[in-house]
Full PDB file with SEQRES, HELIX, SHEET, SSBOND, CRYST1, ORIGX, SCALE, CONECT and MASTER records, all heavy atoms in Angstrom:
SEQRES   1 A   44  GLY LEU PHE GLY LEU PRO PHE SER GLU GLU HIS GLY GLY          
SEQRES   2 A   44  MET GLY GLY ASP TYR PHE ALA LEU CYS LEU ALA LEU GLU          
SEQRES   3 A   44  GLU LEU ALA ARG VAL ASP SER SER VAL ALA ILE THR LEU          
SEQRES   4 A   44  GLU ALA ALA VAL SER                                          
HELIX    1 AA1 LEU A    2  GLY A    4  5                                   3    
HELIX    2 AA2 GLU A    9  HIS A   11  5                                   3    
HELIX    3 AA3 TYR A   18  ALA A   29  1                                  12    
HELIX    4 AA4 SER A   33  VAL A   43  1                                  11    
CRYST1    1.000    1.000    1.000  90.00  90.00  90.00 P 1           1          
ORIGX1      1.000000  0.000000  0.000000        0.00000                         
ORIGX2      0.000000  1.000000  0.000000        0.00000                         
ORIGX3      0.000000  0.000000  1.000000        0.00000                         
SCALE1      1.000000  0.000000  0.000000        0.00000                         
SCALE2      0.000000  1.000000  0.000000        0.00000                         
SCALE3      0.000000  0.000000  1.000000        0.00000                         
ATOM      1  N   GLY A   1       8.199 -45.990  33.635  1.00  0.00           N  
ATOM      2  CA  GLY A   1       9.358 -46.399  34.416  1.00  0.00           C  
ATOM      3  C   GLY A   1      10.069 -47.635  33.901  1.00  0.00           C  
ATOM      4  O   GLY A   1      10.933 -48.184  34.592  1.00  0.00           O  
ATOM      5  N   LEU A   2       9.751 -48.061  32.671  1.00  0.00           N  
ATOM      6  CA  LEU A   2      10.330 -49.312  32.166  1.00  0.00           C  
ATOM      7  C   LEU A   2      11.841 -49.219  31.969  1.00  0.00           C  
ATOM      8  O   LEU A   2      12.560 -50.212  32.156  1.00  0.00           O  
ATOM      9  CB  LEU A   2       9.657 -49.713  30.847  1.00  0.00           C  
ATOM     10  CG  LEU A   2       8.145 -49.976  30.913  1.00  0.00           C  
ATOM     11  CD1 LEU A   2       7.648 -50.546  29.589  1.00  0.00           C  
ATOM     12  CD2 LEU A   2       7.797 -50.915  32.062  1.00  0.00           C  
ATOM     13  N   PHE A   3      12.348 -48.034  31.599  1.00  0.00           N  
ATOM     14  CA  PHE A   3      13.783 -47.898  31.359  1.00  0.00           C  
ATOM     15  C   PHE A   3      14.580 -47.901  32.670  1.00  0.00           C  
ATOM     16  O   PHE A   3      15.790 -48.104  32.662  1.00  0.00           O  
ATOM     17  CB  PHE A   3      14.076 -46.624  30.568  1.00  0.00           C  
ATOM     18  CG  PHE A   3      13.599 -46.676  29.150  1.00  0.00           C  
ATOM     19  CD1 PHE A   3      12.329 -46.232  28.814  1.00  0.00           C  
ATOM     20  CD2 PHE A   3      14.410 -47.191  28.152  1.00  0.00           C  
ATOM     21  CE1 PHE A   3      11.870 -46.291  27.504  1.00  0.00           C  
ATOM     22  CE2 PHE A   3      13.963 -47.255  26.836  1.00  0.00           C  
ATOM     23  CZ  PHE A   3      12.691 -46.808  26.515  1.00  0.00           C  
ATOM     24  N   GLY A   4      13.901 -47.684  33.771  1.00  0.00           N  
ATOM     25  CA  GLY A   4      14.593 -47.672  35.056  1.00  0.00           C  
ATOM     26  C   GLY A   4      14.358 -48.914  35.890  1.00  0.00           C  
ATOM     27  O   GLY A   4      14.771 -48.966  37.058  1.00  0.00           O  
ATOM     28  N   LEU A   5      13.715 -49.932  35.331  1.00  0.00           N  
ATOM     29  CA  LEU A   5      13.306 -51.099  36.112  1.00  0.00           C  
ATOM     30  C   LEU A   5      14.418 -51.725  36.955  1.00  0.00           C  
ATOM     31  O   LEU A   5      14.237 -51.916  38.161  1.00  0.00           O  
ATOM     32  CB  LEU A   5      12.686 -52.163  35.186  1.00  0.00           C  
ATOM     33  CG  LEU A   5      11.210 -51.981  34.853  1.00  0.00           C  
ATOM     34  CD1 LEU A   5      10.757 -53.018  33.846  1.00  0.00           C  
ATOM     35  CD2 LEU A   5      10.365 -52.074  36.122  1.00  0.00           C  
ATOM     36  N   PRO A   6      15.583 -52.083  36.364  1.00  0.00           N  
ATOM     37  CA  PRO A   6      16.565 -52.830  37.172  1.00  0.00           C  
ATOM     38  C   PRO A   6      17.588 -51.968  37.894  1.00  0.00           C  
ATOM     39  O   PRO A   6      18.627 -52.476  38.319  1.00  0.00           O  
ATOM     40  CB  PRO A   6      17.244 -53.700  36.106  1.00  0.00           C  
ATOM     41  CG  PRO A   6      17.267 -52.838  34.893  1.00  0.00           C  
ATOM     42  CD  PRO A   6      16.004 -52.002  34.958  1.00  0.00           C  
ATOM     43  N   PHE A   7      17.301 -50.677  38.050  1.00  0.00           N  
ATOM     44  CA  PHE A   7      18.277 -49.762  38.641  1.00  0.00           C  
ATOM     45  C   PHE A   7      17.795 -49.238  39.988  1.00  0.00           C  
ATOM     46  O   PHE A   7      16.595 -49.116  40.237  1.00  0.00           O  
ATOM     47  CB  PHE A   7      18.552 -48.595  37.698  1.00  0.00           C  
ATOM     48  CG  PHE A   7      19.045 -49.011  36.344  1.00  0.00           C  
ATOM     49  CD1 PHE A   7      18.193 -49.032  35.243  1.00  0.00           C  
ATOM     50  CD2 PHE A   7      20.363 -49.398  36.161  1.00  0.00           C  
ATOM     51  CE1 PHE A   7      18.640 -49.420  33.992  1.00  0.00           C  
ATOM     52  CE2 PHE A   7      20.831 -49.791  34.918  1.00  0.00           C  
ATOM     53  CZ  PHE A   7      19.974 -49.808  33.833  1.00  0.00           C  
ATOM     54  N   SER A   8      18.740 -48.870  40.830  1.00  0.00           N  
ATOM     55  CA  SER A   8      18.408 -48.383  42.162  1.00  0.00           C  
ATOM     56  C   SER A   8      17.739 -47.011  42.089  1.00  0.00           C  
ATOM     57  O   SER A   8      17.957 -46.236  41.152  1.00  0.00           O  
ATOM     58  CB  SER A   8      19.672 -48.298  43.024  1.00  0.00           C  
ATOM     59  OG  SER A   8      20.536 -47.281  42.532  1.00  0.00           O  
ATOM     60  N   GLU A   9      16.940 -46.710  43.093  1.00  0.00           N  
ATOM     61  CA  GLU A   9      16.257 -45.421  43.161  1.00  0.00           C  
ATOM     62  C   GLU A   9      17.254 -44.277  43.333  1.00  0.00           C  
ATOM     63  O   GLU A   9      16.972 -43.142  42.939  1.00  0.00           O  
ATOM     64  CB  GLU A   9      15.256 -45.435  44.318  1.00  0.00           C  
ATOM     65  CG  GLU A   9      14.131 -46.443  44.116  1.00  0.00           C  
ATOM     66  CD  GLU A   9      13.175 -46.476  45.293  1.00  0.00           C  
ATOM     67  OE1 GLU A   9      13.372 -45.675  46.229  1.00  0.00           O  
ATOM     68  OE2 GLU A   9      12.235 -47.292  45.266  1.00  0.00           O  
ATOM     69  N   GLU A  10      18.412 -44.585  43.894  1.00  0.00           N  
ATOM     70  CA  GLU A  10      19.459 -43.585  44.098  1.00  0.00           C  
ATOM     71  C   GLU A  10      19.831 -42.881  42.803  1.00  0.00           C  
ATOM     72  O   GLU A  10      20.152 -41.689  42.788  1.00  0.00           O  
ATOM     73  CB  GLU A  10      20.692 -44.255  44.703  1.00  0.00           C  
ATOM     74  CG  GLU A  10      21.906 -43.361  44.825  1.00  0.00           C  
ATOM     75  CD  GLU A  10      23.164 -44.115  45.215  1.00  0.00           C  
ATOM     76  OE1 GLU A  10      23.085 -45.337  45.421  1.00  0.00           O  
ATOM     77  OE2 GLU A  10      24.228 -43.462  45.304  1.00  0.00           O  
ATOM     78  N   HIS A  11      19.794 -43.622  41.701  1.00  0.00           N  
ATOM     79  CA  HIS A  11      20.190 -43.055  40.407  1.00  0.00           C  
ATOM     80  C   HIS A  11      18.988 -42.742  39.519  1.00  0.00           C  
ATOM     81  O   HIS A  11      19.139 -42.512  38.321  1.00  0.00           O  
ATOM     82  CB  HIS A  11      21.127 -44.025  39.691  1.00  0.00           C  
ATOM     83  CG  HIS A  11      22.409 -44.277  40.425  1.00  0.00           C  
ATOM     84  ND1 HIS A  11      23.389 -43.321  40.559  1.00  0.00           N  
ATOM     85  CD2 HIS A  11      22.862 -45.370  41.086  1.00  0.00           C  
ATOM     86  CE1 HIS A  11      24.395 -43.808  41.258  1.00  0.00           C  
ATOM     87  NE2 HIS A  11      24.103 -45.045  41.592  1.00  0.00           N  
ATOM     88  N   GLY A  12      17.787 -42.755  40.112  1.00  0.00           N  
ATOM     89  CA  GLY A  12      16.596 -42.432  39.338  1.00  0.00           C  
ATOM     90  C   GLY A  12      15.876 -43.638  38.799  1.00  0.00           C  
ATOM     91  O   GLY A  12      14.939 -43.493  37.989  1.00  0.00           O  
ATOM     92  N   GLY A  13      16.271 -44.839  39.222  1.00  0.00           N  
ATOM     93  CA  GLY A  13      15.635 -46.059  38.763  1.00  0.00           C  
ATOM     94  C   GLY A  13      14.401 -46.414  39.576  1.00  0.00           C  
ATOM     95  O   GLY A  13      13.990 -45.686  40.477  1.00  0.00           O  
ATOM     96  N   MET A  14      13.835 -47.585  39.270  1.00  0.00           N  
ATOM     97  CA  MET A  14      12.607 -48.023  39.924  1.00  0.00           C  
ATOM     98  C   MET A  14      12.878 -48.942  41.113  1.00  0.00           C  
ATOM     99  O   MET A  14      11.947 -49.357  41.800  1.00  0.00           O  
ATOM    100  CB  MET A  14      11.723 -48.752  38.897  1.00  0.00           C  
ATOM    101  CG  MET A  14      11.289 -47.882  37.725  1.00  0.00           C  
ATOM    102  SD  MET A  14      10.266 -46.487  38.227  1.00  0.00           S  
ATOM    103  CE  MET A  14       8.772 -47.349  38.712  1.00  0.00           C  
ATOM    104  N   GLY A  15      14.154 -49.291  41.321  1.00  0.00           N  
ATOM    105  CA  GLY A  15      14.486 -50.141  42.460  1.00  0.00           C  
ATOM    106  C   GLY A  15      14.142 -51.593  42.269  1.00  0.00           C  
ATOM    107  O   GLY A  15      14.087 -52.355  43.244  1.00  0.00           O  
ATOM    108  N   GLY A  16      13.931 -52.013  41.038  1.00  0.00           N  
ATOM    109  CA  GLY A  16      13.621 -53.414  40.755  1.00  0.00           C  
ATOM    110  C   GLY A  16      14.874 -54.219  40.485  1.00  0.00           C  
ATOM    111  O   GLY A  16      15.962 -53.888  40.958  1.00  0.00           O  
ATOM    112  N   ASP A  17      14.743 -55.266  39.697  1.00  0.00           N  
ATOM    113  CA  ASP A  17      15.891 -56.101  39.371  1.00  0.00           C  
ATOM    114  C   ASP A  17      15.839 -56.516  37.901  1.00  0.00           C  
ATOM    115  O   ASP A  17      14.930 -56.132  37.156  1.00  0.00           O  
ATOM    116  CB  ASP A  17      15.973 -57.337  40.284  1.00  0.00           C  
ATOM    117  CG  ASP A  17      14.704 -58.185  40.237  1.00  0.00           C  
ATOM    118  OD1 ASP A  17      14.013 -58.183  39.203  1.00  0.00           O  
ATOM    119  OD2 ASP A  17      14.405 -58.873  41.241  1.00  0.00           O  
ATOM    120  N   TYR A  18      16.830 -57.295  37.485  1.00  0.00           N  
ATOM    121  CA  TYR A  18      16.950 -57.677  36.076  1.00  0.00           C  
ATOM    122  C   TYR A  18      15.797 -58.569  35.630  1.00  0.00           C  
ATOM    123  O   TYR A  18      15.387 -58.545  34.472  1.00  0.00           O  
ATOM    124  CB  TYR A  18      18.283 -58.372  35.851  1.00  0.00           C  
ATOM    125  CG  TYR A  18      18.841 -58.186  34.456  1.00  0.00           C  
ATOM    126  CD1 TYR A  18      19.524 -57.020  34.110  1.00  0.00           C  
ATOM    127  CD2 TYR A  18      18.667 -59.159  33.480  1.00  0.00           C  
ATOM    128  CE1 TYR A  18      20.028 -56.841  32.832  1.00  0.00           C  
ATOM    129  CE2 TYR A  18      19.174 -58.995  32.202  1.00  0.00           C  
ATOM    130  CZ  TYR A  18      19.852 -57.824  31.881  1.00  0.00           C  
ATOM    131  OH  TYR A  18      20.337 -57.652  30.611  1.00  0.00           O  
ATOM    132  N   PHE A  19      15.272 -59.357  36.561  1.00  0.00           N  
ATOM    133  CA  PHE A  19      14.148 -60.224  36.210  1.00  0.00           C  
ATOM    134  C   PHE A  19      12.913 -59.392  35.871  1.00  0.00           C  
ATOM    135  O   PHE A  19      12.141 -59.749  34.982  1.00  0.00           O  
ATOM    136  CB  PHE A  19      13.850 -61.187  37.361  1.00  0.00           C  
ATOM    137  CG  PHE A  19      12.768 -62.186  37.059  1.00  0.00           C  
ATOM    138  CD1 PHE A  19      12.916 -63.091  36.016  1.00  0.00           C  
ATOM    139  CD2 PHE A  19      11.605 -62.219  37.810  1.00  0.00           C  
ATOM    140  CE1 PHE A  19      11.925 -64.015  35.726  1.00  0.00           C  
ATOM    141  CE2 PHE A  19      10.604 -63.135  37.527  1.00  0.00           C  
ATOM    142  CZ  PHE A  19      10.762 -64.037  36.491  1.00  0.00           C  
ATOM    143  N   ALA A  20      12.720 -58.273  36.568  1.00  0.00           N  
ATOM    144  CA  ALA A  20      11.603 -57.388  36.254  1.00  0.00           C  
ATOM    145  C   ALA A  20      11.718 -56.875  34.821  1.00  0.00           C  
ATOM    146  O   ALA A  20      10.723 -56.804  34.089  1.00  0.00           O  
ATOM    147  CB  ALA A  20      11.576 -56.220  37.238  1.00  0.00           C  
ATOM    148  N   LEU A  21      12.938 -56.517  34.414  1.00  0.00           N  
ATOM    149  CA  LEU A  21      13.156 -56.102  33.030  1.00  0.00           C  
ATOM    150  C   LEU A  21      12.769 -57.217  32.066  1.00  0.00           C  
ATOM    151  O   LEU A  21      12.116 -56.976  31.049  1.00  0.00           O  
ATOM    152  CB  LEU A  21      14.623 -55.719  32.826  1.00  0.00           C  
ATOM    153  CG  LEU A  21      15.056 -55.486  31.378  1.00  0.00           C  
ATOM    154  CD1 LEU A  21      14.357 -54.258  30.794  1.00  0.00           C  
ATOM    155  CD2 LEU A  21      16.572 -55.330  31.286  1.00  0.00           C  
ATOM    156  N   CYS A  22      13.170 -58.440  32.387  1.00  0.00           N  
ATOM    157  CA  CYS A  22      12.872 -59.580  31.509  1.00  0.00           C  
ATOM    158  C   CYS A  22      11.370 -59.800  31.362  1.00  0.00           C  
ATOM    159  O   CYS A  22      10.884 -60.099  30.265  1.00  0.00           O  
ATOM    160  CB  CYS A  22      13.539 -60.841  32.041  1.00  0.00           C  
ATOM    161  SG  CYS A  22      15.341 -60.825  31.898  1.00  0.00           S  
ATOM    162  N   LEU A  23      10.632 -59.663  32.452  1.00  0.00           N  
ATOM    163  CA  LEU A  23       9.182 -59.810  32.378  1.00  0.00           C  
ATOM    164  C   LEU A  23       8.576 -58.768  31.443  1.00  0.00           C  
ATOM    165  O   LEU A  23       7.678 -59.071  30.638  1.00  0.00           O  
ATOM    166  CB  LEU A  23       8.572 -59.670  33.769  1.00  0.00           C  
ATOM    167  CG  LEU A  23       8.855 -60.793  34.767  1.00  0.00           C  
ATOM    168  CD1 LEU A  23       8.254 -60.447  36.129  1.00  0.00           C  
ATOM    169  CD2 LEU A  23       8.313 -62.127  34.271  1.00  0.00           C  
ATOM    170  N   ALA A  24       9.072 -57.528  31.537  1.00  0.00           N  
ATOM    171  CA  ALA A  24       8.573 -56.463  30.673  1.00  0.00           C  
ATOM    172  C   ALA A  24       8.909 -56.740  29.211  1.00  0.00           C  
ATOM    173  O   ALA A  24       8.072 -56.549  28.318  1.00  0.00           O  
ATOM    174  CB  ALA A  24       9.148 -55.119  31.109  1.00  0.00           C  
ATOM    175  N   LEU A  25      10.120 -57.209  28.962  1.00  0.00           N  
ATOM    176  CA  LEU A  25      10.531 -57.509  27.594  1.00  0.00           C  
ATOM    177  C   LEU A  25       9.685 -58.618  26.989  1.00  0.00           C  
ATOM    178  O   LEU A  25       9.301 -58.554  25.814  1.00  0.00           O  
ATOM    179  CB  LEU A  25      12.009 -57.914  27.572  1.00  0.00           C  
ATOM    180  CG  LEU A  25      13.018 -56.800  27.840  1.00  0.00           C  
ATOM    181  CD1 LEU A  25      14.414 -57.379  28.014  1.00  0.00           C  
ATOM    182  CD2 LEU A  25      13.007 -55.779  26.713  1.00  0.00           C  
ATOM    183  N   GLU A  26       9.397 -59.639  27.775  1.00  0.00           N  
ATOM    184  CA  GLU A  26       8.582 -60.737  27.251  1.00  0.00           C  
ATOM    185  C   GLU A  26       7.209 -60.242  26.826  1.00  0.00           C  
ATOM    186  O   GLU A  26       6.718 -60.594  25.740  1.00  0.00           O  
ATOM    187  CB  GLU A  26       8.434 -61.841  28.301  1.00  0.00           C  
ATOM    188  CG  GLU A  26       7.614 -63.013  27.779  1.00  0.00           C  
ATOM    189  CD  GLU A  26       7.386 -64.114  28.792  1.00  0.00           C  
ATOM    190  OE1 GLU A  26       8.130 -64.179  29.799  1.00  0.00           O  
ATOM    191  OE2 GLU A  26       6.446 -64.915  28.588  1.00  0.00           O  
ATOM    192  N   GLU A  27       6.588 -59.416  27.663  1.00  0.00           N  
ATOM    193  CA  GLU A  27       5.242 -58.941  27.335  1.00  0.00           C  
ATOM    194  C   GLU A  27       5.235 -57.991  26.152  1.00  0.00           C  
ATOM    195  O   GLU A  27       4.320 -58.025  25.323  1.00  0.00           O  
ATOM    196  CB  GLU A  27       4.611 -58.283  28.563  1.00  0.00           C  
ATOM    197  CG  GLU A  27       4.289 -59.251  29.681  1.00  0.00           C  
ATOM    198  CD  GLU A  27       3.386 -60.394  29.236  1.00  0.00           C  
ATOM    199  OE1 GLU A  27       2.477 -60.159  28.415  1.00  0.00           O  
ATOM    200  OE2 GLU A  27       3.590 -61.530  29.709  1.00  0.00           O  
ATOM    201  N   LEU A  28       6.253 -57.140  26.029  1.00  0.00           N  
ATOM    202  CA  LEU A  28       6.325 -56.252  24.869  1.00  0.00           C  
ATOM    203  C   LEU A  28       6.523 -57.049  23.582  1.00  0.00           C  
ATOM    204  O   LEU A  28       5.857 -56.804  22.569  1.00  0.00           O  
ATOM    205  CB  LEU A  28       7.470 -55.256  25.048  1.00  0.00           C  
ATOM    206  CG  LEU A  28       7.264 -54.147  26.081  1.00  0.00           C  
ATOM    207  CD1 LEU A  28       8.556 -53.370  26.273  1.00  0.00           C  
ATOM    208  CD2 LEU A  28       6.134 -53.202  25.656  1.00  0.00           C  
ATOM    209  N   ALA A  29       7.459 -58.014  23.618  1.00  0.00           N  
ATOM    210  CA  ALA A  29       7.763 -58.802  22.418  1.00  0.00           C  
ATOM    211  C   ALA A  29       6.617 -59.708  22.026  1.00  0.00           C  
ATOM    212  O   ALA A  29       6.543 -60.165  20.888  1.00  0.00           O  
ATOM    213  CB  ALA A  29       9.032 -59.620  22.639  1.00  0.00           C  
ATOM    214  N   ARG A  30       5.727 -59.970  22.944  1.00  0.00           N  
ATOM    215  CA  ARG A  30       4.541 -60.766  22.637  1.00  0.00           C  
ATOM    216  C   ARG A  30       3.675 -60.053  21.604  1.00  0.00           C  
ATOM    217  O   ARG A  30       2.911 -60.675  20.877  1.00  0.00           O  
ATOM    218  CB  ARG A  30       3.761 -60.988  23.935  1.00  0.00           C  
ATOM    219  CG  ARG A  30       2.774 -62.112  23.927  1.00  0.00           C  
ATOM    220  CD  ARG A  30       2.353 -62.460  25.348  1.00  0.00           C  
ATOM    221  NE  ARG A  30       1.254 -63.391  25.378  1.00  0.00           N  
ATOM    222  CZ  ARG A  30       0.813 -63.977  26.486  1.00  0.00           C  
ATOM    223  NH1 ARG A  30       1.399 -63.711  27.647  1.00  0.00           N  
ATOM    224  NH2 ARG A  30      -0.215 -64.813  26.434  1.00  0.00           N  
ATOM    225  N   VAL A  31       3.852 -58.728  21.533  1.00  0.00           N  
ATOM    226  CA  VAL A  31       3.131 -57.907  20.559  1.00  0.00           C  
ATOM    227  C   VAL A  31       4.069 -57.361  19.488  1.00  0.00           C  
ATOM    228  O   VAL A  31       3.736 -57.367  18.304  1.00  0.00           O  
ATOM    229  CB  VAL A  31       2.402 -56.752  21.272  1.00  0.00           C  
ATOM    230  CG1 VAL A  31       1.863 -55.742  20.266  1.00  0.00           C  
ATOM    231  CG2 VAL A  31       1.273 -57.303  22.135  1.00  0.00           C  
ATOM    232  N   ASP A  32       5.260 -56.899  19.902  1.00  0.00           N  
ATOM    233  CA  ASP A  32       6.203 -56.340  18.920  1.00  0.00           C  
ATOM    234  C   ASP A  32       7.634 -56.396  19.427  1.00  0.00           C  
ATOM    235  O   ASP A  32       7.917 -56.045  20.570  1.00  0.00           O  
ATOM    236  CB  ASP A  32       5.859 -54.890  18.594  1.00  0.00           C  
ATOM    237  CG  ASP A  32       6.905 -54.287  17.667  1.00  0.00           C  
ATOM    238  OD1 ASP A  32       7.044 -54.788  16.543  1.00  0.00           O  
ATOM    239  OD2 ASP A  32       7.607 -53.368  18.106  1.00  0.00           O  
ATOM    240  N   SER A  33       8.546 -56.774  18.541  1.00  0.00           N  
ATOM    241  CA  SER A  33       9.953 -56.919  18.912  1.00  0.00           C  
ATOM    242  C   SER A  33      10.767 -55.645  18.732  1.00  0.00           C  
ATOM    243  O   SER A  33      11.789 -55.476  19.394  1.00  0.00           O  
ATOM    244  CB  SER A  33      10.593 -58.051  18.093  1.00  0.00           C  
ATOM    245  OG  SER A  33      10.089 -59.300  18.493  1.00  0.00           O  
ATOM    246  N   SER A  34      10.362 -54.745  17.856  1.00  0.00           N  
ATOM    247  CA  SER A  34      11.116 -53.504  17.682  1.00  0.00           C  
ATOM    248  C   SER A  34      11.082 -52.666  18.951  1.00  0.00           C  
ATOM    249  O   SER A  34      12.104 -52.127  19.390  1.00  0.00           O  
ATOM    250  CB  SER A  34      10.557 -52.686  16.510  1.00  0.00           C  
ATOM    251  OG  SER A  34      10.990 -53.196  15.267  1.00  0.00           O  
ATOM    252  N   VAL A  35       9.907 -52.555  19.540  1.00  0.00           N  
ATOM    253  CA  VAL A  35       9.777 -51.823  20.789  1.00  0.00           C  
ATOM    254  C   VAL A  35      10.545 -52.538  21.895  1.00  0.00           C  
ATOM    255  O   VAL A  35      11.241 -51.910  22.713  1.00  0.00           O  
ATOM    256  CB  VAL A  35       8.290 -51.668  21.164  1.00  0.00           C  
ATOM    257  CG1 VAL A  35       8.139 -51.163  22.590  1.00  0.00           C  
ATOM    258  CG2 VAL A  35       7.601 -50.720  20.188  1.00  0.00           C  
ATOM    259  N   ALA A  36      10.444 -53.874  21.922  1.00  0.00           N  
ATOM    260  CA  ALA A  36      11.125 -54.646  22.961  1.00  0.00           C  
ATOM    261  C   ALA A  36      12.640 -54.517  22.854  1.00  0.00           C  
ATOM    262  O   ALA A  36      13.323 -54.333  23.866  1.00  0.00           O  
ATOM    263  CB  ALA A  36      10.708 -56.114  22.872  1.00  0.00           C  
ATOM    264  N   ILE A  37      13.190 -54.584  21.646  1.00  0.00           N  
ATOM    265  CA  ILE A  37      14.657 -54.503  21.509  1.00  0.00           C  
ATOM    266  C   ILE A  37      15.139 -53.088  21.800  1.00  0.00           C  
ATOM    267  O   ILE A  37      16.272 -52.903  22.282  1.00  0.00           O  
ATOM    268  CB  ILE A  37      15.126 -54.968  20.115  1.00  0.00           C  
ATOM    269  CG1 ILE A  37      16.645 -55.206  20.123  1.00  0.00           C  
ATOM    270  CG2 ILE A  37      14.756 -53.978  19.025  1.00  0.00           C  
ATOM    271  CD1 ILE A  37      17.123 -56.233  21.119  1.00  0.00           C  
ATOM    272  N   THR A  38      14.307 -52.094  21.549  1.00  0.00           N  
ATOM    273  CA  THR A  38      14.686 -50.726  21.916  1.00  0.00           C  
ATOM    274  C   THR A  38      14.879 -50.620  23.422  1.00  0.00           C  
ATOM    275  O   THR A  38      15.861 -50.038  23.907  1.00  0.00           O  
ATOM    276  CB  THR A  38      13.625 -49.721  21.444  1.00  0.00           C  
ATOM    277  OG1 THR A  38      13.512 -49.776  20.014  1.00  0.00           O  
ATOM    278  CG2 THR A  38      13.983 -48.305  21.862  1.00  0.00           C  
ATOM    279  N   LEU A  39      13.959 -51.206  24.186  1.00  0.00           N  
ATOM    280  CA  LEU A  39      14.081 -51.206  25.644  1.00  0.00           C  
ATOM    281  C   LEU A  39      15.258 -52.060  26.095  1.00  0.00           C  
ATOM    282  O   LEU A  39      16.058 -51.630  26.946  1.00  0.00           O  
ATOM    283  CB  LEU A  39      12.792 -51.734  26.276  1.00  0.00           C  
ATOM    284  CG  LEU A  39      12.813 -51.910  27.804  1.00  0.00           C  
ATOM    285  CD1 LEU A  39      13.046 -50.571  28.506  1.00  0.00           C  
ATOM    286  CD2 LEU A  39      11.518 -52.559  28.287  1.00  0.00           C  
ATOM    287  N   GLU A  40      15.396 -53.253  25.530  1.00  0.00           N  
ATOM    288  CA  GLU A  40      16.481 -54.154  25.943  1.00  0.00           C  
ATOM    289  C   GLU A  40      17.837 -53.518  25.722  1.00  0.00           C  
ATOM    290  O   GLU A  40      18.701 -53.523  26.609  1.00  0.00           O  
ATOM    291  CB  GLU A  40      16.384 -55.474  25.167  1.00  0.00           C  
ATOM    292  CG  GLU A  40      17.277 -56.577  25.688  1.00  0.00           C  
ATOM    293  CD  GLU A  40      18.723 -56.482  25.205  1.00  0.00           C  
ATOM    294  OE1 GLU A  40      18.923 -55.918  24.111  1.00  0.00           O  
ATOM    295  OE2 GLU A  40      19.636 -56.979  25.909  1.00  0.00           O  
ATOM    296  N   ALA A  41      18.051 -52.959  24.541  1.00  0.00           N  
ATOM    297  CA  ALA A  41      19.347 -52.358  24.231  1.00  0.00           C  
ATOM    298  C   ALA A  41      19.586 -51.099  25.050  1.00  0.00           C  
ATOM    299  O   ALA A  41      20.711 -50.829  25.481  1.00  0.00           O  
ATOM    300  CB  ALA A  41      19.437 -52.042  22.734  1.00  0.00           C  
ATOM    301  N   ALA A  42      18.538 -50.310  25.272  1.00  0.00           N  
ATOM    302  CA  ALA A  42      18.681 -49.081  26.045  1.00  0.00           C  
ATOM    303  C   ALA A  42      19.100 -49.375  27.483  1.00  0.00           C  
ATOM    304  O   ALA A  42      19.891 -48.638  28.078  1.00  0.00           O  
ATOM    305  CB  ALA A  42      17.370 -48.300  26.036  1.00  0.00           C  
ATOM    306  N   VAL A  43      18.597 -50.475  28.035  1.00  0.00           N  
ATOM    307  CA  VAL A  43      18.884 -50.817  29.427  1.00  0.00           C  
ATOM    308  C   VAL A  43      20.157 -51.639  29.549  1.00  0.00           C  
ATOM    309  O   VAL A  43      21.127 -51.232  30.195  1.00  0.00           O  
ATOM    310  CB  VAL A  43      17.694 -51.566  30.057  1.00  0.00           C  
ATOM    311  CG1 VAL A  43      18.061 -52.068  31.455  1.00  0.00           C  
ATOM    312  CG2 VAL A  43      16.476 -50.659  30.127  1.00  0.00           C  
ATOM    313  N   SER A  44      20.176 -52.821  28.919  1.00  0.00           N  
ATOM    314  CA  SER A  44      21.291 -53.751  29.168  1.00  0.00           C  
ATOM    315  C   SER A  44      22.569 -53.355  28.446  1.00  0.00           C  
ATOM    316  O   SER A  44      23.670 -53.647  28.922  1.00  0.00           O  
ATOM    317  CB  SER A  44      20.891 -55.176  28.787  1.00  0.00           C  
ATOM    318  OG  SER A  44      20.723 -55.307  27.392  1.00  0.00           O  
TER     319      SER A  44                                                      
MASTER        0    0    0    4    0    0    0    6  318    1    0    4          
END                                                                             
């Protein structure tokens, strides 16, 4: 559900917010940035 983190459930998202996305990006980039930038660009 990482690609749907900051989106409403109405549109198939997880109902979270932009900060939730940021937390996920930080943890991914702690190991690898290619995966993290794929998520960041896909979402934002």
